[in-house]
C-alpha atoms as a PDB file:
ATOM      1  CA  MET A   1       0.087   0.022  -0.017  1.00  0.00           C
ATOM      2  CA  VAL A   2       1.235   3.483  -0.812  1.00  0.00           C
ATOM      3  CA  LEU A   3       0.353   6.636   1.058  1.00  0.00           C
ATOM      4  CA  PHE A   4       0.031   9.842  -0.864  1.00  0.00           C
ATOM      5  CA  ALA A   5      -2.280  12.784  -0.822  1.00  0.00           C
ATOM      6  CA  GLY A   6      -1.969  13.254   2.957  1.00  0.00           C
ATOM      7  CA  GLU A   7      -3.375  10.340   4.898  1.00  0.00           C
ATOM      8  CA  LEU A   8      -5.632   9.133   2.083  1.00  0.00           C
ATOM      9  CA  ARG A   9      -4.525   5.469   1.478  1.00  0.00           C
ATOM     10  CA  PHE A  10      -4.737   3.801  -1.999  1.00  0.00           C
ATOM     11  CA  GLU A  11      -4.854   0.028  -2.546  1.00  0.00           C
ATOM     12  CA  HIS A  12      -3.226  -1.449  -5.711  1.00  0.00           C
ATOM     13  CA  ASN A  13      -4.463  -4.948  -5.604  1.00  0.00           C
ATOM     14  CA  PHE A  14      -8.206  -5.531  -6.572  1.00  0.00           C
ATOM     15  CA  ASN A  15      -8.604  -8.580  -4.460  1.00  0.00           C
ATOM     16  CA  LYS A  16      -7.162  -6.949  -1.332  1.00  0.00           C
ATOM     17  CA  ALA A  17      -9.427  -3.909  -1.915  1.00  0.00           C
ATOM     18  CA  LEU A  18     -12.405  -6.158  -2.082  1.00  0.00           C
ATOM     19  CA  GLN A  19     -11.435  -7.853   1.103  1.00  0.00           C
ATOM     20  CA  LYS A  20     -10.833  -4.760   2.970  1.00  0.00           C
ATOM     21  CA  ALA A  21     -14.256  -3.325   1.743  1.00  0.00           C
ATOM     22  CA  LYS A  22     -16.043  -6.287   2.968  1.00  0.00           C
ATOM     23  CA  GLU A  23     -14.062  -6.197   6.443  1.00  0.00           C
ATOM     24  CA  GLN A  24     -14.798  -2.475   6.885  1.00  0.00           C
ATOM     25  CA  ASN A  25     -18.424  -2.520   5.327  1.00  0.00           C
ATOM     26  CA  LYS A  26     -17.430  -0.048   2.631  1.00  0.00           C
ATOM     27  CA  GLU A  27     -17.550   0.267  -1.224  1.00  0.00           C
ATOM     28  CA  VAL A  28     -14.512   0.013  -3.528  1.00  0.00           C
ATOM     29  CA  MET A  29     -13.817   3.255  -5.637  1.00  0.00           C
ATOM     30  CA  MET A  30     -11.694   2.425  -8.603  1.00  0.00           C
ATOM     31  CA  MET A  31      -9.498   5.012  -9.971  1.00  0.00           C
ATOM     32  CA  TYR A  32      -7.600   4.435 -13.175  1.00  0.00           C
ATOM     33  CA  SER A  33      -4.813   6.792 -13.954  1.00  0.00           C
ATOM     34  CA  ALA A  34      -1.458   7.186 -15.842  1.00  0.00           C
ATOM     35  CA  THR A  35       1.681   9.275 -14.967  1.00  0.00           C
ATOM     36  CA  TRP A  36       1.232  11.291 -18.047  1.00  0.00           C
ATOM     37  CA  CYS A  37      -2.271  12.355 -17.376  1.00  0.00           C
ATOM     38  CA  PRO A  38      -2.472  15.995 -16.071  1.00  0.00           C
ATOM     39  CA  GLU A  39      -5.952  15.433 -14.754  1.00  0.00           C
ATOM     40  CA  CYS A  40      -5.001  12.360 -12.779  1.00  0.00           C
ATOM     41  CA  ASN A  41      -2.119  14.155 -11.226  1.00  0.00           C
ATOM     42  CA  TYR A  42      -4.423  16.993 -10.379  1.00  0.00           C
ATOM     43  CA  MET A  43      -6.864  14.609  -8.689  1.00  0.00           C
ATOM     44  CA  LYS A  44      -4.042  13.118  -6.654  1.00  0.00           C
ATOM     45  CA  GLU A  45      -2.106  16.491  -5.807  1.00  0.00           C
ATOM     46  CA  VAL A  46      -5.218  18.810  -5.290  1.00  0.00           C
ATOM     47  CA  VAL A  47      -8.564  17.067  -5.083  1.00  0.00           C
ATOM     48  CA  PHE A  48      -7.514  14.061  -2.779  1.00  0.00           C
ATOM     49  CA  LYS A  49      -5.603  16.438  -0.613  1.00  0.00           C
ATOM     50  CA  ASN A  50      -8.677  18.517   0.248  1.00  0.00           C
ATOM     51  CA  LYS A  51      -9.457  17.598   3.863  1.00  0.00           C
ATOM     52  CA  LYS A  52     -13.380  17.432   3.135  1.00  0.00           C
ATOM     53  CA  VAL A  53     -12.690  15.273   0.234  1.00  0.00           C
ATOM     54  CA  SER A  54     -10.231  12.933   1.911  1.00  0.00           C
ATOM     55  CA  SER A  55     -12.437  12.627   4.974  1.00  0.00           C
ATOM     56  CA  TYR A  56     -15.402  11.625   3.021  1.00  0.00           C
ATOM     57  CA  LEU A  57     -13.565   9.172   0.965  1.00  0.00           C
ATOM     58  CA  LYS A  58     -11.904   7.583   3.893  1.00  0.00           C
ATOM     59  CA  LYS A  59     -15.129   7.045   5.660  1.00  0.00           C
ATOM     60  CA  ARG A  60     -16.837   5.416   2.814  1.00  0.00           C
ATOM     61  CA  PHE A  61     -14.325   3.969   0.358  1.00  0.00           C
ATOM     62  CA  ILE A  62     -11.346   1.662  -0.067  1.00  0.00           C
ATOM     63  CA  ILE A  63      -9.771   3.376  -3.139  1.00  0.00           C
ATOM     64  CA  LEU A  64      -8.235   1.057  -5.636  1.00  0.00           C
ATOM     65  CA  SER A  65      -5.795   3.091  -7.784  1.00  0.00           C
ATOM     66  CA  LEU A  66      -4.564   1.194 -11.051  1.00  0.00           C
ATOM     67  CA  ASP A  67      -1.984   2.700 -13.579  1.00  0.00           C
ATOM     68  CA  ILE A  68      -3.344   1.738 -16.939  1.00  0.00           C
ATOM     69  CA  GLN A  69       0.233   1.477 -18.323  1.00  0.00           C
ATOM     70  CA  LYS A  70       1.632  -0.666 -15.668  1.00  0.00           C
ATOM     71  CA  ASP A  71      -1.331  -2.585 -13.836  1.00  0.00           C
ATOM     72  CA  THR A  72      -3.554  -5.284 -15.114  1.00  0.00           C
ATOM     73  CA  LEU A  73      -7.259  -4.383 -14.814  1.00  0.00           C
ATOM     74  CA  PRO A  74      -9.445  -6.575 -13.111  1.00  0.00           C
ATOM     75  CA  LYS A  75     -11.531  -9.204 -15.151  1.00  0.00           C
ATOM     76  CA  GLY A  76     -14.577  -7.672 -16.449  1.00  0.00           C
ATOM     77  CA  PHE A  77     -13.463  -4.164 -16.040  1.00  0.00           C
ATOM     78  CA  GLU A  78     -12.105  -1.724 -18.786  1.00  0.00           C
ATOM     79  CA  HIS A  79     -11.616   1.950 -19.236  1.00  0.00           C
ATOM     80  CA  ARG A  80     -12.704   4.465 -21.806  1.00  0.00           C
ATOM     81  CA  GLY A  81     -10.515   7.183 -20.594  1.00  0.00           C
ATOM     82  CA  ILE A  82      -8.799   8.547 -17.646  1.00  0.00           C
ATOM     83  CA  PRO A  83      -9.153   9.755 -14.885  1.00  0.00           C
END
């Protein structure tokens, strides 16, 4: 697990995210990104660092962050664009 955007934690393994969500009675929020994507970087550097946003997300979601260039997307999921 990697920490960035303050204390907001991102999971990078689909099965672990599902397990944690079940254990904590939360939903999984999937974020697909790429290092070259300015909007993705804005989400990570600005939006997710907002205290109200991060507090809301931490209470309700396990966030699965996948890089479309490096990570394999979970079976049955695809992306049309990022973020």
